[in-house]
């Protein structure tokens, strides 16, 4: 059957409409790793300053119509648990890939946070630990540009550390004393096995140089409430 130009134009329009509908059905971004930090190491200006970083980056990416919070805990009097300040989910990355349905899923070992899904608000990957064809990490001398250490100050279950040894760089106000608990966005380390996304190891210190030397850049996990 011969199709006229008018029919072809109609079919093309229908195809475009279907494409737009499919795009609109894709869940909006509600999770990302910040493309930058404060520039002052772990001195983020407290939780308020950290949340502002997430909000500003989300706004620049066209997702500022939601309230954003950094996945961070604090210690001491009035301690705050990271898991309690990020909403209830579900959370999707910039590509519409599901990260977790809810907080319980987020805290499971099989949470979908890894080098391929933990992207910035711009959809860019973060420098990950390089692995070979067998999935094993390459030797240290072959690693470069790794920024997989993400600030959390949290235990693996999303709760704050007890008062005492500083794991939050004085509740995210110091770039000189203390240290910060870090997670690995790529779930990788130089050792075999799956590395925790939220509580892998503490930093060498709180300055930007300390964070870079440990394997990070002072980046944050940002969640939409």
Protein backbone atom coordinates (compact mmCIF):
# COMPACT_ATOMS: atom_id res chain seq x y z
CA UNK A 1 0.00 0.00 0.00
CA UNK A 2 1.36 3.39 -1.00
CA UNK A 3 1.59 5.94 1.84
CA UNK A 4 1.12 9.62 1.07
CA UNK A 5 3.34 12.39 2.35
CA UNK A 6 0.57 13.54 4.67
CA UNK A 7 0.28 10.03 6.16
CA UNK A 8 4.07 9.87 6.59
CA UNK A 9 4.04 13.22 8.38
CA UNK A 10 1.25 11.99 10.65
CA UNK A 11 3.13 8.80 11.47
CA UNK A 12 6.29 10.77 12.21
CA UNK A 13 4.35 13.11 14.50
CA UNK A 14 2.83 10.14 16.31
CA UNK A 15 6.30 8.64 16.75
CA UNK A 16 7.63 11.91 18.17
CA UNK A 17 4.68 12.13 20.54
CA UNK A 18 5.31 8.59 21.73
CA UNK A 19 8.96 9.48 22.28
CA UNK A 20 8.03 12.54 24.32
CA UNK A 21 5.58 10.46 26.36
CA UNK A 22 8.24 7.85 27.09
CA UNK A 23 10.65 10.59 28.14
CA UNK A 24 8.07 12.16 30.42
CA UNK A 25 7.41 8.79 32.03
CA UNK A 26 11.08 8.45 33.05
CA UNK A 27 11.41 9.14 36.78
CA UNK A 28 13.04 12.49 37.55
CA UNK A 29 16.46 12.60 39.17
CA UNK A 30 16.33 12.22 42.95
CA UNK A 31 19.88 11.04 43.69
CA UNK A 32 23.34 12.11 42.58
CA UNK A 33 26.92 12.43 43.72
CA UNK A 34 27.85 16.10 43.87
CA UNK A 35 30.16 17.20 41.06
CA UNK A 36 32.01 19.35 43.57
CA UNK A 37 32.33 19.92 47.30
CA UNK A 38 32.89 23.01 49.38
CA UNK A 39 36.47 23.50 48.22
CA UNK A 40 37.41 23.67 51.90
CA UNK A 41 37.76 19.98 52.56
CA UNK A 42 35.22 18.66 55.06
CA UNK A 43 34.33 22.17 56.25
CA UNK A 44 30.94 22.30 54.57
CA UNK A 45 29.38 24.93 56.78
CA UNK A 46 27.61 22.24 58.79
CA UNK A 47 24.61 20.27 57.57
CA UNK A 48 22.95 23.46 56.34
CA UNK A 49 25.91 24.28 54.14
CA UNK A 50 26.11 20.72 52.81
CA UNK A 51 22.43 20.71 51.91
CA UNK A 52 22.90 24.04 50.15
CA UNK A 53 25.60 22.49 47.95
CA UNK A 54 23.20 19.72 46.93
CA UNK A 55 20.36 22.18 46.34
CA UNK A 56 22.49 24.54 44.23
CA UNK A 57 23.82 21.74 42.04
CA UNK A 58 20.35 20.23 41.61
CA UNK A 59 18.96 23.63 40.65
CA UNK A 60 21.69 24.14 38.06
CA UNK A 61 20.79 20.73 36.62
CA UNK A 62 17.09 21.63 36.37
CA UNK A 63 15.96 19.67 39.45
CA UNK A 64 15.68 22.48 41.96
CA UNK A 65 11.93 22.03 42.40
CA UNK A 66 12.56 19.49 45.15
CA UNK A 67 14.23 19.75 48.56
CA UNK A 68 17.69 18.16 48.57
CA UNK A 69 19.74 16.87 51.49
CA UNK A 70 23.26 15.52 51.85
CA UNK A 71 23.70 12.02 53.25
CA UNK A 72 25.62 13.07 56.38
CA UNK A 73 25.46 12.31 60.08
CA UNK A 74 26.62 14.44 63.00
CA UNK A 75 27.93 13.46 66.43
CA UNK A 76 27.50 14.57 70.03
CA UNK A 77 24.56 16.45 71.52
CA UNK A 78 21.64 16.40 69.11
CA UNK A 79 23.38 13.89 66.82
CA UNK A 80 21.67 13.41 63.47
CA UNK A 81 21.47 10.14 61.51
CA UNK A 82 22.09 10.42 57.77
CA UNK A 83 19.35 7.92 57.01
CA UNK A 84 16.76 10.07 58.78
CA UNK A 85 17.29 13.24 56.77
CA UNK A 86 16.94 12.16 53.13
CA UNK A 87 13.23 11.38 52.81
CA UNK A 88 11.62 8.05 52.07
CA UNK A 89 12.45 7.36 48.41
CA UNK A 90 12.31 5.96 45.85
CA UNK A 91 15.51 7.45 44.43
CA UNK A 92 16.65 7.51 40.80
CA UNK A 93 19.83 8.80 39.20
CA UNK A 94 19.99 11.29 36.34
CA UNK A 95 19.46 8.47 33.82
CA UNK A 96 16.30 7.28 35.55
CA UNK A 97 18.00 4.17 36.97
CA UNK A 98 16.55 3.03 40.28
CA UNK A 99 18.98 3.33 43.20
CA UNK A 100 16.69 2.23 46.03
CA UNK A 101 12.96 2.05 46.69
CA UNK A 102 13.24 3.21 50.29
CA UNK A 103 15.64 3.63 53.20
CA UNK A 104 15.61 -0.09 53.99
CA UNK A 105 16.68 -0.89 50.41
CA UNK A 106 19.31 1.83 50.53
CA UNK A 107 20.98 0.15 53.49
CA UNK A 108 21.06 -3.33 51.95
CA UNK A 109 24.32 -4.69 50.47
CA UNK A 110 22.62 -5.08 47.10
CA UNK A 111 21.72 -1.38 46.82
CA UNK A 112 22.28 -0.20 43.25
CA UNK A 113 25.09 2.24 44.02
CA UNK A 114 28.19 1.54 41.96
CA UNK A 115 30.59 3.13 39.46
CA UNK A 116 27.96 2.99 36.71
CA UNK A 117 24.97 4.37 38.63
CA UNK A 118 26.47 6.80 41.16
CA UNK A 119 26.69 9.67 38.68
CA UNK A 120 26.88 13.41 39.22
CA UNK A 121 23.92 15.73 38.68
CA UNK A 122 25.37 16.27 35.20
CA UNK A 123 25.32 12.56 34.43
CA UNK A 124 29.09 12.27 34.64
CA UNK A 125 30.94 9.36 36.26
CA UNK A 126 33.20 9.85 39.29
CA UNK A 127 36.80 8.66 39.19
CA UNK A 128 36.61 5.00 40.26
CA UNK A 129 39.15 2.37 41.23
CA UNK A 130 40.24 0.71 37.99
CA UNK A 131 39.73 -3.02 37.64
CA UNK A 132 40.96 -5.61 35.17
CA UNK A 133 38.96 -7.96 32.93
CA UNK A 134 38.57 -10.33 35.86
CA UNK A 135 37.05 -7.59 38.02
CA UNK A 136 40.04 -7.50 40.37
CA UNK A 137 41.52 -4.07 41.18
CA UNK A 138 44.60 -3.10 39.23
CA UNK A 139 47.84 -2.46 41.16
CA UNK A 140 48.13 0.86 42.98
CA UNK A 141 50.66 2.22 40.47
CA UNK A 142 48.04 1.84 37.72
CA UNK A 143 45.42 3.83 39.60
CA UNK A 144 44.97 7.52 38.84
CA UNK A 145 42.20 10.10 39.14
CA UNK A 146 40.37 8.13 41.85
CA UNK A 147 37.80 10.24 43.72
CA UNK A 148 35.61 7.48 45.08
CA UNK A 149 35.76 8.59 48.74
CA UNK A 150 32.43 10.29 49.49
CA UNK A 151 31.84 12.13 52.78
CA UNK A 152 29.21 10.50 55.02
CA UNK A 153 30.31 10.60 58.66
CA UNK A 154 28.02 7.62 59.13
CA UNK A 155 28.06 4.02 60.19
CA UNK A 156 27.03 1.33 57.71
CA UNK A 157 23.46 1.34 59.03
CA UNK A 158 23.06 5.05 58.35
CA UNK A 159 23.37 6.13 61.96
CA UNK A 160 25.74 8.57 63.66
CA UNK A 161 28.91 7.49 65.41
CA UNK A 162 28.89 7.83 69.21
CA UNK A 163 30.36 10.97 70.69
CA UNK A 164 34.10 10.63 71.10
CA UNK A 165 36.44 9.93 68.20
CA UNK A 166 35.67 12.49 65.52
CA UNK A 167 34.26 10.98 62.32
CA UNK A 168 32.55 14.14 61.04
CA UNK A 169 35.31 16.78 61.07
CA UNK A 170 33.65 18.61 63.96
CA UNK A 171 30.21 18.14 62.46
CA UNK A 172 31.31 19.39 59.04
CA UNK A 173 32.77 22.68 60.26
CA UNK A 174 36.50 21.87 60.33
CA UNK A 175 39.20 21.55 57.71
CA UNK A 176 41.99 21.21 60.26
CA UNK A 177 41.25 18.70 63.02
CA UNK A 178 39.52 15.33 63.13
CA UNK A 179 38.62 12.98 60.31
CA UNK A 180 35.58 11.96 58.30
CA UNK A 181 34.05 8.57 57.63
CA UNK A 182 33.99 7.96 53.90
CA UNK A 183 32.04 5.68 51.59
CA UNK A 184 33.08 4.26 48.22
CA UNK A 185 30.67 5.23 45.46
CA UNK A 186 32.16 2.55 43.17
CA UNK A 187 31.97 -0.20 45.84
CA UNK A 188 35.64 -0.88 45.05
CA UNK A 189 38.92 -0.77 46.94
CA UNK A 190 42.41 -2.10 46.32
CA UNK A 191 41.41 -5.19 48.29
CA UNK A 192 39.21 -8.01 46.96
CA UNK A 193 35.50 -7.94 47.72
CA UNK A 194 32.65 -5.44 47.72
CA UNK A 195 33.42 -2.17 49.47
CA UNK A 196 30.73 -0.28 51.44
CA UNK A 197 29.14 2.70 49.70
CA UNK A 198 28.59 4.62 52.96
CA UNK A 199 31.20 3.52 55.51
CA UNK A 200 34.46 2.26 54.01
CA UNK A 201 37.17 3.99 56.08
CA UNK A 202 38.02 7.31 57.75
CA UNK A 203 39.93 10.05 55.98
CA UNK A 204 43.50 11.02 56.77
CA UNK A 205 42.23 14.40 57.93
CA UNK A 206 39.74 17.15 57.12
CA UNK A 207 41.58 19.45 54.72
CA UNK A 208 41.07 19.29 50.97
CA UNK A 209 44.61 17.95 50.60
CA UNK A 210 43.87 15.23 53.18
CA UNK A 211 40.72 14.17 51.33
CA UNK A 212 42.48 14.07 47.98
CA UNK A 213 45.37 12.07 49.44
CA UNK A 214 42.90 9.52 50.82
CA UNK A 215 41.23 9.08 47.42
CA UNK A 216 38.45 11.65 47.27
CA UNK A 217 37.55 15.27 46.58
CA UNK A 218 35.12 16.17 49.36
CA UNK A 219 32.06 15.05 47.36
CA UNK A 220 28.60 14.28 48.76
CA UNK A 221 25.71 11.92 48.20
CA UNK A 222 22.65 14.09 47.51
CA UNK A 223 19.08 12.83 47.90
CA UNK A 224 15.74 14.49 47.11
CA UNK A 225 13.20 14.30 49.92
